[in-house]
Amino acid sequence: MNIRLTLNGHSVAATLNDSATARDFAAQLPLTLSLRDLDAAEKIADLPRKLSTSGAPEGADPEVGDLAYYAPWNQLATYYRDAPYAEGLVIIGHMADGGTEQLATADEITVEATS
């Protein structure tokens, strides 16, 4: 599924994978979330409700540009720098090129489904 992220007024394309977690996330769209920086590598935001982790691996090693769900804290995690493997992390998608520069300074994200 293709989605659009709006970061500091800049639109960035992203694609969600076909996991149960990503589909559950898409069902909540549109969302506007406040972002907080974590470890100078990612921006995190609290989600309105827990997402399904059915069939998800125990954890993941995120890459720059990944969108992920951190199940233990019920948060969307968006990566603008490399970060280590984390248990409870489920990769749900990836931003198109150029999104990570906007993400590094963003304090709010709007996520919408696109056709």
PDB file of N, CA and C in Angstrom:
ATOM      1  N   MET A   1       0.841  -1.179   0.000  1.00  0.00           N
ATOM      2  CA  MET A   1       0.000   0.000   0.000  1.00  0.00           C
ATOM      3  C   MET A   1       0.880   1.235   0.000  1.00  0.00           C
ATOM      4  N   ASN A   2       0.558   2.173  -0.857  1.00  0.00           N
ATOM      5  CA  ASN A   2       1.270   3.440  -0.903  1.00  0.00           C
ATOM      6  C   ASN A   2       0.618   4.410   0.069  1.00  0.00           C
ATOM      7  N   ILE A   3       1.464   5.146   0.790  1.00  0.00           N
ATOM      8  CA  ILE A   3       0.985   6.160   1.719  1.00  0.00           C
ATOM      9  C   ILE A   3       1.781   7.435   1.482  1.00  0.00           C
ATOM     10  N   ARG A   4       1.304   8.523   2.054  1.00  0.00           N
ATOM     11  CA  ARG A   4       2.003   9.807   1.974  1.00  0.00           C
ATOM     12  C   ARG A   4       2.252  10.292   3.393  1.00  0.00           C
ATOM     13  N   LEU A   5       3.496  10.682   3.648  1.00  0.00           N
ATOM     14  CA  LEU A   5       3.879  11.281   4.922  1.00  0.00           C
ATOM     15  C   LEU A   5       4.055  12.774   4.680  1.00  0.00           C
ATOM     16  N   THR A   6       3.576  13.583   5.585  1.00  0.00           N
ATOM     17  CA  THR A   6       3.831  15.015   5.512  1.00  0.00           C
ATOM     18  C   THR A   6       4.681  15.377   6.718  1.00  0.00           C
ATOM     19  N   LEU A   7       5.901  15.847   6.430  1.00  0.00           N
ATOM     20  CA  LEU A   7       6.887  16.201   7.453  1.00  0.00           C
ATOM     21  C   LEU A   7       7.272  17.660   7.270  1.00  0.00           C
ATOM     22  N   ASN A   8       6.988  18.495   8.269  1.00  0.00           N
ATOM     23  CA  ASN A   8       7.311  19.926   8.171  1.00  0.00           C
ATOM     24  C   ASN A   8       6.792  20.539   6.870  1.00  0.00           C
ATOM     25  N   GLY A   9       5.601  20.123   6.451  1.00  0.00           N
ATOM     26  CA  GLY A   9       4.998  20.660   5.239  1.00  0.00           C
ATOM     27  C   GLY A   9       5.485  20.034   3.951  1.00  0.00           C
ATOM     28  N   HIS A  10       6.433  19.106   4.012  1.00  0.00           N
ATOM     29  CA  HIS A  10       6.965  18.434   2.828  1.00  0.00           C
ATOM     30  C   HIS A  10       6.349  17.042   2.704  1.00  0.00           C
ATOM     31  N   SER A  11       5.861  16.726   1.513  1.00  0.00           N
ATOM     32  CA  SER A  11       5.241  15.437   1.258  1.00  0.00           C
ATOM     33  C   SER A  11       6.305  14.417   0.855  1.00  0.00           C
ATOM     34  N   VAL A  12       6.236  13.234   1.462  1.00  0.00           N
ATOM     35  CA  VAL A  12       7.175  12.146   1.189  1.00  0.00           C
ATOM     36  C   VAL A  12       6.361  10.880   0.943  1.00  0.00           C
ATOM     37  N   ALA A  13       6.654  10.203  -0.153  1.00  0.00           N
ATOM     38  CA  ALA A  13       5.985   8.937  -0.455  1.00  0.00           C
ATOM     39  C   ALA A  13       6.590   7.819   0.386  1.00  0.00           C
ATOM     40  N   ALA A  14       5.764   6.842   0.710  1.00  0.00           N
ATOM     41  CA  ALA A  14       6.223   5.655   1.438  1.00  0.00           C
ATOM     42  C   ALA A  14       5.351   4.485   1.006  1.00  0.00           C
ATOM     43  N   THR A  15       5.853   3.297   1.246  1.00  0.00           N
ATOM     44  CA  THR A  15       5.126   2.079   0.912  1.00  0.00           C
ATOM     45  C   THR A  15       5.073   1.184   2.129  1.00  0.00           C
ATOM     46  N   LEU A  16       3.885   0.692   2.457  1.00  0.00           N
ATOM     47  CA  LEU A  16       3.731  -0.272   3.544  1.00  0.00           C
ATOM     48  C   LEU A  16       3.877  -1.674   2.979  1.00  0.00           C
ATOM     49  N   ASN A  17       4.431  -2.589   3.780  1.00  0.00           N
ATOM     50  CA  ASN A  17       4.540  -3.977   3.351  1.00  0.00           C
ATOM     51  C   ASN A  17       3.193  -4.683   3.565  1.00  0.00           C
ATOM     52  N   ASP A  18       3.126  -5.960   3.287  1.00  0.00           N
ATOM     53  CA  ASP A  18       1.864  -6.692   3.348  1.00  0.00           C
ATOM     54  C   ASP A  18       1.724  -7.498   4.641  1.00  0.00           C
ATOM     55  N   SER A  19       2.291  -7.021   5.728  1.00  0.00           N
ATOM     56  CA  SER A  19       2.186  -7.730   7.006  1.00  0.00           C
ATOM     57  C   SER A  19       0.871  -7.375   7.704  1.00  0.00           C
ATOM     58  N   ALA A  20       0.469  -8.220   8.650  1.00  0.00           N
ATOM     59  CA  ALA A  20      -0.734  -7.945   9.447  1.00  0.00           C
ATOM     60  C   ALA A  20      -0.572  -6.629  10.208  1.00  0.00           C
ATOM     61  N   THR A  21       0.636  -6.346  10.677  1.00  0.00           N
ATOM     62  CA  THR A  21       0.888  -5.114  11.428  1.00  0.00           C
ATOM     63  C   THR A  21       0.715  -3.895  10.526  1.00  0.00           C
ATOM     64  N   ALA A  22       1.250  -3.950   9.321  1.00  0.00           N
ATOM     65  CA  ALA A  22       1.116  -2.829   8.386  1.00  0.00           C
ATOM     66  C   ALA A  22      -0.342  -2.616   7.983  1.00  0.00           C
ATOM     67  N   ARG A  23      -1.071  -3.690   7.753  1.00  0.00           N
ATOM     68  CA  ARG A  23      -2.495  -3.563   7.399  1.00  0.00           C
ATOM     69  C   ARG A  23      -3.287  -2.948   8.550  1.00  0.00           C
ATOM     70  N   ASP A  24      -2.964  -3.330   9.778  1.00  0.00           N
ATOM     71  CA  ASP A  24      -3.648  -2.768  10.943  1.00  0.00           C
ATOM     72  C   ASP A  24      -3.318  -1.282  11.091  1.00  0.00           C
ATOM     73  N   PHE A  25      -2.058  -0.924  10.823  1.00  0.00           N
ATOM     74  CA  PHE A  25      -1.659   0.483  10.849  1.00  0.00           C
ATOM     75  C   PHE A  25      -2.447   1.264   9.792  1.00  0.00           C
ATOM     76  N   ALA A  26      -2.531   0.738   8.577  1.00  0.00           N
ATOM     77  CA  ALA A  26      -3.242   1.410   7.485  1.00  0.00           C
ATOM     78  C   ALA A  26      -4.712   1.636   7.820  1.00  0.00           C
ATOM     79  N   ALA A  27      -5.298   0.728   8.590  1.00  0.00           N
ATOM     80  CA  ALA A  27      -6.700   0.864   8.975  1.00  0.00           C
ATOM     81  C   ALA A  27      -6.940   2.075   9.878  1.00  0.00           C
ATOM     82  N   GLN A  28      -5.876   2.601  10.501  1.00  0.00           N
ATOM     83  CA  GLN A  28      -6.001   3.766  11.383  1.00  0.00           C
ATOM     84  C   GLN A  28      -5.856   5.095  10.635  1.00  0.00           C
ATOM     85  N   LEU A  29      -5.459   5.040   9.372  1.00  0.00           N
ATOM     86  CA  LEU A  29      -5.189   6.270   8.635  1.00  0.00           C
ATOM     87  C   LEU A  29      -6.470   7.001   8.267  1.00  0.00           C
ATOM     88  N   PRO A  30      -6.460   8.319   8.194  1.00  0.00           N
ATOM     89  CA  PRO A  30      -5.319   9.208   8.356  1.00  0.00           C
ATOM     90  C   PRO A  30      -5.001   9.479   9.822  1.00  0.00           C
ATOM     91  N   LEU A  31      -3.731   9.758  10.093  1.00  0.00           N
ATOM     92  CA  LEU A  31      -3.255  10.074  11.441  1.00  0.00           C
ATOM     93  C   LEU A  31      -2.354  11.297  11.399  1.00  0.00           C
ATOM     94  N   THR A  32      -2.439  12.122  12.409  1.00  0.00           N
ATOM     95  CA  THR A  32      -1.463  13.180  12.636  1.00  0.00           C
ATOM     96  C   THR A  32      -0.877  12.926  14.015  1.00  0.00           C
ATOM     97  N   LEU A  33       0.447  12.753  14.063  1.00  0.00           N
ATOM     98  CA  LEU A  33       1.130  12.342  15.284  1.00  0.00           C
ATOM     99  C   LEU A  33       2.258  13.304  15.636  1.00  0.00           C
ATOM    100  N   SER A  34       2.457  13.536  16.921  1.00  0.00           N
ATOM    101  CA  SER A  34       3.593  14.324  17.394  1.00  0.00           C
ATOM    102  C   SER A  34       4.805  13.421  17.513  1.00  0.00           C
ATOM    103  N   LEU A  35       5.926  13.869  16.961  1.00  0.00           N
ATOM    104  CA  LEU A  35       7.154  13.081  16.955  1.00  0.00           C
ATOM    105  C   LEU A  35       8.107  13.532  18.060  1.00  0.00           C
ATOM    106  N   ARG A  36       8.836  12.558  18.603  1.00  0.00           N
ATOM    107  CA  ARG A  36       9.909  12.823  19.566  1.00  0.00           C
ATOM    108  C   ARG A  36      11.156  12.108  19.062  1.00  0.00           C
ATOM    109  N   ASP A  37      12.298  12.740  19.270  1.00  0.00           N
ATOM    110  CA  ASP A  37      13.547  12.120  18.847  1.00  0.00           C
ATOM    111  C   ASP A  37      13.975  11.069  19.871  1.00  0.00           C
ATOM    112  N   LEU A  38      14.559   9.988  19.360  1.00  0.00           N
ATOM    113  CA  LEU A  38      15.085   8.928  20.220  1.00  0.00           C
ATOM    114  C   LEU A  38      16.466   8.547  19.715  1.00  0.00           C
ATOM    115  N   ASP A  39      17.461   8.725  20.559  1.00  0.00           N
ATOM    116  CA  ASP A  39      18.840   8.303  20.283  1.00  0.00           C
ATOM    117  C   ASP A  39      19.433   8.910  19.021  1.00  0.00           C
ATOM    118  N   ALA A  40      18.977  10.078  18.597  1.00  0.00           N
ATOM    119  CA  ALA A  40      19.486  10.765  17.408  1.00  0.00           C
ATOM    120  C   ALA A  40      19.530   9.836  16.192  1.00  0.00           C
ATOM    121  N   ALA A  41      18.557   8.919  16.124  1.00  0.00           N
ATOM    122  CA  ALA A  41      18.491   7.971  15.008  1.00  0.00           C
ATOM    123  C   ALA A  41      17.079   7.784  14.492  1.00  0.00           C
ATOM    124  N   GLU A  42      16.100   8.067  15.333  1.00  0.00           N
ATOM    125  CA  GLU A  42      14.718   7.808  14.953  1.00  0.00           C
ATOM    126  C   GLU A  42      13.784   8.816  15.598  1.00  0.00           C
ATOM    127  N   LYS A  43      12.618   8.941  14.995  1.00  0.00           N
ATOM    128  CA  LYS A  43      11.532   9.728  15.568  1.00  0.00           C
ATOM    129  C   LYS A  43      10.432   8.739  15.921  1.00  0.00           C
ATOM    130  N   ILE A  44       9.853   8.926  17.096  1.00  0.00           N
ATOM    131  CA  ILE A  44       8.804   8.025  17.559  1.00  0.00           C
ATOM    132  C   ILE A  44       7.536   8.819  17.861  1.00  0.00           C
ATOM    133  N   ALA A  45       6.407   8.116  17.790  1.00  0.00           N
ATOM    134  CA  ALA A  45       5.115   8.734  18.085  1.00  0.00           C
ATOM    135  C   ALA A  45       4.183   7.671  18.657  1.00  0.00           C
ATOM    136  N   ASP A  46       3.410   8.072  19.661  1.00  0.00           N
ATOM    137  CA  ASP A  46       2.432   7.163  20.254  1.00  0.00           C
ATOM    138  C   ASP A  46       1.271   6.970  19.294  1.00  0.00           C
ATOM    139  N   LEU A  47       0.838   5.716  19.155  1.00  0.00           N
ATOM    140  CA  LEU A  47      -0.312   5.399  18.302  1.00  0.00           C
ATOM    141  C   LEU A  47      -1.587   5.350  19.135  1.00  0.00           C
ATOM    142  N   PRO A  48      -2.756   5.579  18.507  1.00  0.00           N
ATOM    143  CA  PRO A  48      -4.013   5.596  19.252  1.00  0.00           C
ATOM    144  C   PRO A  48      -4.407   4.250  19.850  1.00  0.00           C
ATOM    145  N   ARG A  49      -3.970   3.142  19.213  1.00  0.00           N
ATOM    146  CA  ARG A  49      -4.284   1.827  19.768  1.00  0.00           C
ATOM    147  C   ARG A  49      -3.200   0.844  19.354  1.00  0.00           C
ATOM    148  N   LYS A  50      -3.137  -0.278  20.049  1.00  0.00           N
ATOM    149  CA  LYS A  50      -2.153  -1.316  19.725  1.00  0.00           C
ATOM    150  C   LYS A  50      -2.444  -1.916  18.360  1.00  0.00           C
ATOM    151  N   LEU A  51      -1.379  -2.347  17.671  1.00  0.00           N
ATOM    152  CA  LEU A  51      -1.507  -2.989  16.368  1.00  0.00           C
ATOM    153  C   LEU A  51      -1.311  -4.486  16.504  1.00  0.00           C
ATOM    154  N   SER A  52      -1.864  -5.232  15.585  1.00  0.00           N
ATOM    155  CA  SER A  52      -1.667  -6.674  15.540  1.00  0.00           C
ATOM    156  C   SER A  52      -0.202  -6.971  15.221  1.00  0.00           C
ATOM    157  N   THR A  53       0.355  -7.966  15.896  1.00  0.00           N
ATOM    158  CA  THR A  53       1.707  -8.435  15.574  1.00  0.00           C
ATOM    159  C   THR A  53       1.652  -9.900  15.146  1.00  0.00           C
ATOM    160  N   SER A  54       0.507 -10.344  14.695  1.00  0.00           N
ATOM    161  CA  SER A  54       0.323 -11.721  14.242  1.00  0.00           C
ATOM    162  C   SER A  54       1.302 -12.044  13.118  1.00  0.00           C
ATOM    163  N   GLY A  55       2.071 -13.100  13.295  1.00  0.00           N
ATOM    164  CA  GLY A  55       3.018 -13.538  12.284  1.00  0.00           C
ATOM    165  C   GLY A  55       4.298 -12.727  12.218  1.00  0.00           C
ATOM    166  N   ALA A  56       4.457 -11.751  13.101  1.00  0.00           N
ATOM    167  CA  ALA A  56       5.651 -10.897  13.074  1.00  0.00           C
ATOM    168  C   ALA A  56       6.841 -11.602  13.721  1.00  0.00           C
ATOM    169  N   PRO A  57       8.055 -11.288  13.262  1.00  0.00           N
ATOM    170  CA  PRO A  57       9.244 -11.844  13.911  1.00  0.00           C
ATOM    171  C   PRO A  57       9.412 -11.257  15.315  1.00  0.00           C
ATOM    172  N   GLU A  58      10.305 -11.835  16.084  1.00  0.00           N
ATOM    173  CA  GLU A  58      10.522 -11.364  17.460  1.00  0.00           C
ATOM    174  C   GLU A  58      11.123  -9.969  17.524  1.00  0.00           C
ATOM    175  N   GLY A  59      11.792  -9.563  16.469  1.00  0.00           N
ATOM    176  CA  GLY A  59      12.430  -8.256  16.434  1.00  0.00           C
ATOM    177  C   GLY A  59      12.929  -7.959  15.045  1.00  0.00           C
ATOM    178  N   ALA A  60      13.603  -6.804  14.898  1.00  0.00           N
ATOM    179  CA  ALA A  60      14.096  -6.400  13.582  1.00  0.00           C
ATOM    180  C   ALA A  60      15.307  -5.491  13.734  1.00  0.00           C
ATOM    181  N   ASP A  61      16.083  -5.423  12.658  1.00  0.00           N
ATOM    182  CA  ASP A  61      17.234  -4.533  12.547  1.00  0.00           C
ATOM    183  C   ASP A  61      16.860  -3.463  11.517  1.00  0.00           C
ATOM    184  N   PRO A  62      16.405  -2.298  11.969  1.00  0.00           N
ATOM    185  CA  PRO A  62      15.885  -1.300  11.038  1.00  0.00           C
ATOM    186  C   PRO A  62      16.978  -0.668  10.185  1.00  0.00           C
ATOM    187  N   GLU A  63      16.568  -0.218   8.993  1.00  0.00           N
ATOM    188  CA  GLU A  63      17.450   0.502   8.082  1.00  0.00           C
ATOM    189  C   GLU A  63      16.970   1.942   7.982  1.00  0.00           C
ATOM    190  N   VAL A  64      17.848   2.815   7.533  1.00  0.00           N
ATOM    191  CA  VAL A  64      17.479   4.213   7.312  1.00  0.00           C
ATOM    192  C   VAL A  64      16.293   4.258   6.351  1.00  0.00           C
ATOM    193  N   GLY A  65      15.266   5.006   6.720  1.00  0.00           N
ATOM    194  CA  GLY A  65      14.062   5.131   5.907  1.00  0.00           C
ATOM    195  C   GLY A  65      12.942   4.188   6.290  1.00  0.00           C
ATOM    196  N   ASP A  66      13.220   3.244   7.192  1.00  0.00           N
ATOM    197  CA  ASP A  66      12.179   2.290   7.594  1.00  0.00           C
ATOM    198  C   ASP A  66      11.105   2.943   8.456  1.00  0.00           C
ATOM    199  N   LEU A  67       9.893   2.439   8.303  1.00  0.00           N
ATOM    200  CA  LEU A  67       8.780   2.722   9.197  1.00  0.00           C
ATOM    201  C   LEU A  67       8.555   1.439   9.976  1.00  0.00           C
ATOM    202  N   ALA A  68       8.386   1.549  11.274  1.00  0.00           N
ATOM    203  CA  ALA A  68       8.256   0.346  12.097  1.00  0.00           C
ATOM    204  C   ALA A  68       7.275   0.588  13.232  1.00  0.00           C
ATOM    205  N   TYR A  69       6.832  -0.519  13.792  1.00  0.00           N
ATOM    206  CA  TYR A  69       5.964  -0.504  14.976  1.00  0.00           C
ATOM    207  C   TYR A  69       6.761  -1.097  16.124  1.00  0.00           C
ATOM    208  N   TYR A  70       6.893  -0.335  17.204  1.00  0.00           N
ATOM    209  CA  TYR A  70       7.557  -0.848  18.398  1.00  0.00           C
ATOM    210  C   TYR A  70       6.457  -1.272  19.371  1.00  0.00           C
ATOM    211  N   ALA A  71       6.182  -2.581  19.355  1.00  0.00           N
ATOM    212  CA  ALA A  71       5.042  -3.131  20.095  1.00  0.00           C
ATOM    213  C   ALA A  71       5.101  -2.884  21.610  1.00  0.00           C
ATOM    214  N   PRO A  72       6.268  -3.021  22.275  1.00  0.00           N
ATOM    215  CA  PRO A  72       6.266  -2.839  23.731  1.00  0.00           C
ATOM    216  C   PRO A  72       5.759  -1.466  24.187  1.00  0.00           C
ATOM    217  N   TRP A  73       5.972  -0.437  23.380  1.00  0.00           N
ATOM    218  CA  TRP A  73       5.546   0.910  23.760  1.00  0.00           C
ATOM    219  C   TRP A  73       4.392   1.429  22.904  1.00  0.00           C
ATOM    220  N   ASN A  74       3.858   0.593  21.982  1.00  0.00           N
ATOM    221  CA  ASN A  74       2.771   0.998  21.092  1.00  0.00           C
ATOM    222  C   ASN A  74       3.110   2.281  20.336  1.00  0.00           C
ATOM    223  N   GLN A  75       4.256   2.260  19.643  1.00  0.00           N
ATOM    224  CA  GLN A  75       4.713   3.459  18.948  1.00  0.00           C
ATOM    225  C   GLN A  75       5.079   3.191  17.498  1.00  0.00           C
ATOM    226  N   LEU A  76       4.856   4.219  16.675  1.00  0.00           N
ATOM    227  CA  LEU A  76       5.392   4.255  15.334  1.00  0.00           C
ATOM    228  C   LEU A  76       6.827   4.737  15.464  1.00  0.00           C
ATOM    229  N   ALA A  77       7.756   4.051  14.813  1.00  0.00           N
ATOM    230  CA  ALA A  77       9.161   4.457  14.797  1.00  0.00           C
ATOM    231  C   ALA A  77       9.559   4.712  13.348  1.00  0.00           C
ATOM    232  N   THR A  78      10.195   5.852  13.107  1.00  0.00           N
ATOM    233  CA  THR A  78      10.621   6.237  11.769  1.00  0.00           C
ATOM    234  C   THR A  78      12.115   6.539  11.839  1.00  0.00           C
ATOM    235  N   TYR A  79      12.900   5.901  10.975  1.00  0.00           N
ATOM    236  CA  TYR A  79      14.360   5.937  11.101  1.00  0.00           C
ATOM    237  C   TYR A  79      15.024   6.861  10.090  1.00  0.00           C
ATOM    238  N   TYR A  80      15.845   7.798  10.600  1.00  0.00           N
ATOM    239  CA  TYR A  80      16.634   8.674   9.728  1.00  0.00           C
ATOM    240  C   TYR A  80      18.128   8.403   9.855  1.00  0.00           C
ATOM    241  N   ARG A  81      18.527   7.521  10.767  1.00  0.00           N
ATOM    242  CA  ARG A  81      19.906   7.044  10.895  1.00  0.00           C
ATOM    243  C   ARG A  81      19.858   5.560  11.226  1.00  0.00           C
ATOM    244  N   ASP A  82      21.005   4.917  11.133  1.00  0.00           N
ATOM    245  CA  ASP A  82      21.100   3.495  11.439  1.00  0.00           C
ATOM    246  C   ASP A  82      20.835   3.270  12.925  1.00  0.00           C
ATOM    247  N   ALA A  83      20.164   2.181  13.238  1.00  0.00           N
ATOM    248  CA  ALA A  83      19.861   1.816  14.623  1.00  0.00           C
ATOM    249  C   ALA A  83      20.040   0.309  14.770  1.00  0.00           C
ATOM    250  N   PRO A  84      20.296  -0.165  15.984  1.00  0.00           N
ATOM    251  CA  PRO A  84      20.538  -1.594  16.180  1.00  0.00           C
ATOM    252  C   PRO A  84      19.256  -2.425  16.211  1.00  0.00           C
ATOM    253  N   TYR A  85      19.433  -3.721  16.140  1.00  0.00           N
ATOM    254  CA  TYR A  85      18.345  -4.688  16.286  1.00  0.00           C
ATOM    255  C   TYR A  85      17.589  -4.395  17.583  1.00  0.00           C
ATOM    256  N   ALA A  86      16.279  -4.533  17.542  1.00  0.00           N
ATOM    257  CA  ALA A  86      15.467  -4.356  18.744  1.00  0.00           C
ATOM    258  C   ALA A  86      14.381  -5.419  18.792  1.00  0.00           C
ATOM    259  N   GLU A  87      14.253  -6.085  19.929  1.00  0.00           N
ATOM    260  CA  GLU A  87      13.145  -7.021  20.123  1.00  0.00           C
ATOM    261  C   GLU A  87      11.861  -6.229  20.213  1.00  0.00           C
ATOM    262  N   GLY A  88      10.789  -6.778  19.638  1.00  0.00           N
ATOM    263  CA  GLY A  88       9.491  -6.110  19.664  1.00  0.00           C
ATOM    264  C   GLY A  88       9.286  -5.129  18.536  1.00  0.00           C
ATOM    265  N   LEU A  89      10.299  -4.952  17.679  1.00  0.00           N
ATOM    266  CA  LEU A  89      10.200  -4.030  16.551  1.00  0.00           C
ATOM    267  C   LEU A  89       9.731  -4.786  15.313  1.00  0.00           C
ATOM    268  N   VAL A  90       8.722  -4.235  14.636  1.00  0.00           N
ATOM    269  CA  VAL A  90       8.160  -4.847  13.430  1.00  0.00           C
ATOM    270  C   VAL A  90       8.253  -3.816  12.306  1.00  0.00           C
ATOM    271  N   ILE A  91       9.013  -4.126  11.264  1.00  0.00           N
ATOM    272  CA  ILE A  91       9.115  -3.222  10.111  1.00  0.00           C
ATOM    273  C   ILE A  91       7.789  -3.285   9.352  1.00  0.00           C
ATOM    274  N   ILE A  92       7.200  -2.108   9.083  1.00  0.00           N
ATOM    275  CA  ILE A  92       5.917  -2.071   8.370  1.00  0.00           C
ATOM    276  C   ILE A  92       6.014  -1.390   7.004  1.00  0.00           C
ATOM    277  N   GLY A  93       7.123  -0.718   6.721  1.00  0.00           N
ATOM    278  CA  GLY A  93       7.241  -0.050   5.432  1.00  0.00           C
ATOM    279  C   GLY A  93       8.539   0.712   5.303  1.00  0.00           C
ATOM    280  N   HIS A  94       8.609   1.509   4.228  1.00  0.00           N
ATOM    281  CA  HIS A  94       9.834   2.252   3.940  1.00  0.00           C
ATOM    282  C   HIS A  94       9.499   3.557   3.215  1.00  0.00           C
ATOM    283  N   MET A  95      10.190   4.638   3.588  1.00  0.00           N
ATOM    284  CA  MET A  95      10.037   5.938   2.945  1.00  0.00           C
ATOM    285  C   MET A  95      10.829   5.984   1.651  1.00  0.00           C
ATOM    286  N   ALA A  96      10.335   6.764   0.697  1.00  0.00           N
ATOM    287  CA  ALA A  96      11.066   7.004  -0.540  1.00  0.00           C
ATOM    288  C   ALA A  96      12.293   7.861  -0.239  1.00  0.00           C
ATOM    289  N   ASP A  97      13.214   7.882  -1.167  1.00  0.00           N
ATOM    290  CA  ASP A  97      14.415   8.699  -1.008  1.00  0.00           C
ATOM    291  C   ASP A  97      14.049  10.142  -0.727  1.00  0.00           C
ATOM    292  N   GLY A  98      14.824  10.774   0.132  1.00  0.00           N
ATOM    293  CA  GLY A  98      14.603  12.176   0.464  1.00  0.00           C
ATOM    294  C   GLY A  98      13.814  12.392   1.738  1.00  0.00           C
ATOM    295  N   GLY A  99      13.104  11.392   2.205  1.00  0.00           N
ATOM    296  CA  GLY A  99      12.294  11.556   3.400  1.00  0.00           C
ATOM    297  C   GLY A  99      13.091  11.647   4.679  1.00  0.00           C
ATOM    298  N   THR A 100      14.239  11.014   4.710  1.00  0.00           N
ATOM    299  CA  THR A 100      15.005  10.983   5.963  1.00  0.00           C
ATOM    300  C   THR A 100      15.561  12.353   6.334  1.00  0.00           C
ATOM    301  N   GLU A 101      15.893  13.176   5.341  1.00  0.00           N
ATOM    302  CA  GLU A 101      16.391  14.515   5.653  1.00  0.00           C
ATOM    303  C   GLU A 101      15.297  15.346   6.329  1.00  0.00           C
ATOM    304  N   GLN A 102      14.068  15.234   5.835  1.00  0.00           N
ATOM    305  CA  GLN A 102      12.943  15.956   6.437  1.00  0.00           C
ATOM    306  C   GLN A 102      12.624  15.395   7.822  1.00  0.00           C
ATOM    307  N   LEU A 103      12.710  14.088   7.953  1.00  0.00           N
ATOM    308  CA  LEU A 103      12.375  13.436   9.211  1.00  0.00           C
ATOM    309  C   LEU A 103      13.285  13.869  10.349  1.00  0.00           C
ATOM    310  N   ALA A 104      14.550  14.081  10.073  1.00  0.00           N
ATOM    311  CA  ALA A 104      15.525  14.421  11.115  1.00  0.00           C
ATOM    312  C   ALA A 104      15.137  15.676  11.887  1.00  0.00           C
ATOM    313  N   THR A 105      14.427  16.609  11.250  1.00  0.00           N
ATOM    314  CA  THR A 105      14.066  17.863  11.917  1.00  0.00           C
ATOM    315  C   THR A 105      12.568  17.998  12.190  1.00  0.00           C
ATOM    316  N   ALA A 106      11.779  17.009  11.816  1.00  0.00           N
ATOM    317  CA  ALA A 106      10.316  17.101  11.953  1.00  0.00           C
ATOM    318  C   ALA A 106       9.875  16.934  13.405  1.00  0.00           C
ATOM    319  N   ASP A 107       8.791  17.616  13.754  1.00  0.00           N
ATOM    320  CA  ASP A 107       8.204  17.423  15.079  1.00  0.00           C
ATOM    321  C   ASP A 107       6.752  16.951  14.990  1.00  0.00           C
ATOM    322  N   GLU A 108       6.244  16.855  13.764  1.00  0.00           N
ATOM    323  CA  GLU A 108       4.899  16.337  13.541  1.00  0.00           C
ATOM    324  C   GLU A 108       4.882  15.582  12.225  1.00  0.00           C
ATOM    325  N   ILE A 109       4.092  14.518  12.179  1.00  0.00           N
ATOM    326  CA  ILE A 109       3.955  13.728  10.950  1.00  0.00           C
ATOM    327  C   ILE A 109       2.479  13.480  10.711  1.00  0.00           C
ATOM    328  N   THR A 110       2.063  13.689   9.475  1.00  0.00           N
ATOM    329  CA  THR A 110       0.720  13.324   9.052  1.00  0.00           C
ATOM    330  C   THR A 110       0.877  12.151   8.083  1.00  0.00           C
ATOM    331  N   VAL A 111       0.120  11.094   8.306  1.00  0.00           N
ATOM    332  CA  VAL A 111       0.203   9.901   7.476  1.00  0.00           C
ATOM    333  C   VAL A 111      -1.162   9.675   6.847  1.00  0.00           C
ATOM    334  N   GLU A 112      -1.172   9.576   5.512  1.00  0.00           N
ATOM    335  CA  GLU A 112      -2.417   9.372   4.778  1.00  0.00           C
ATOM    336  C   GLU A 112      -2.236   8.255   3.760  1.00  0.00           C
ATOM    337  N   ALA A 113      -3.307   7.541   3.513  1.00  0.00           N
ATOM    338  CA  ALA A 113      -3.310   6.541   2.445  1.00  0.00           C
ATOM    339  C   ALA A 113      -3.441   7.266   1.114  1.00  0.00           C
ATOM    340  N   THR A 114      -2.803   6.713   0.072  1.00  0.00           N
ATOM    341  CA  THR A 114      -2.954   7.263  -1.277  1.00  0.00           C
ATOM    342  C   THR A 114      -3.386   6.134  -2.194  1.00  0.00           C
ATOM    343  N   SER A 115      -3.851   6.504  -3.372  1.00  0.00           N
ATOM    344  CA  SER A 115      -4.281   5.460  -4.296  1.00  0.00           C
ATOM    345  C   SER A 115      -3.239   5.182  -5.356  1.00  0.00           C
TER     346      SER A 115
END
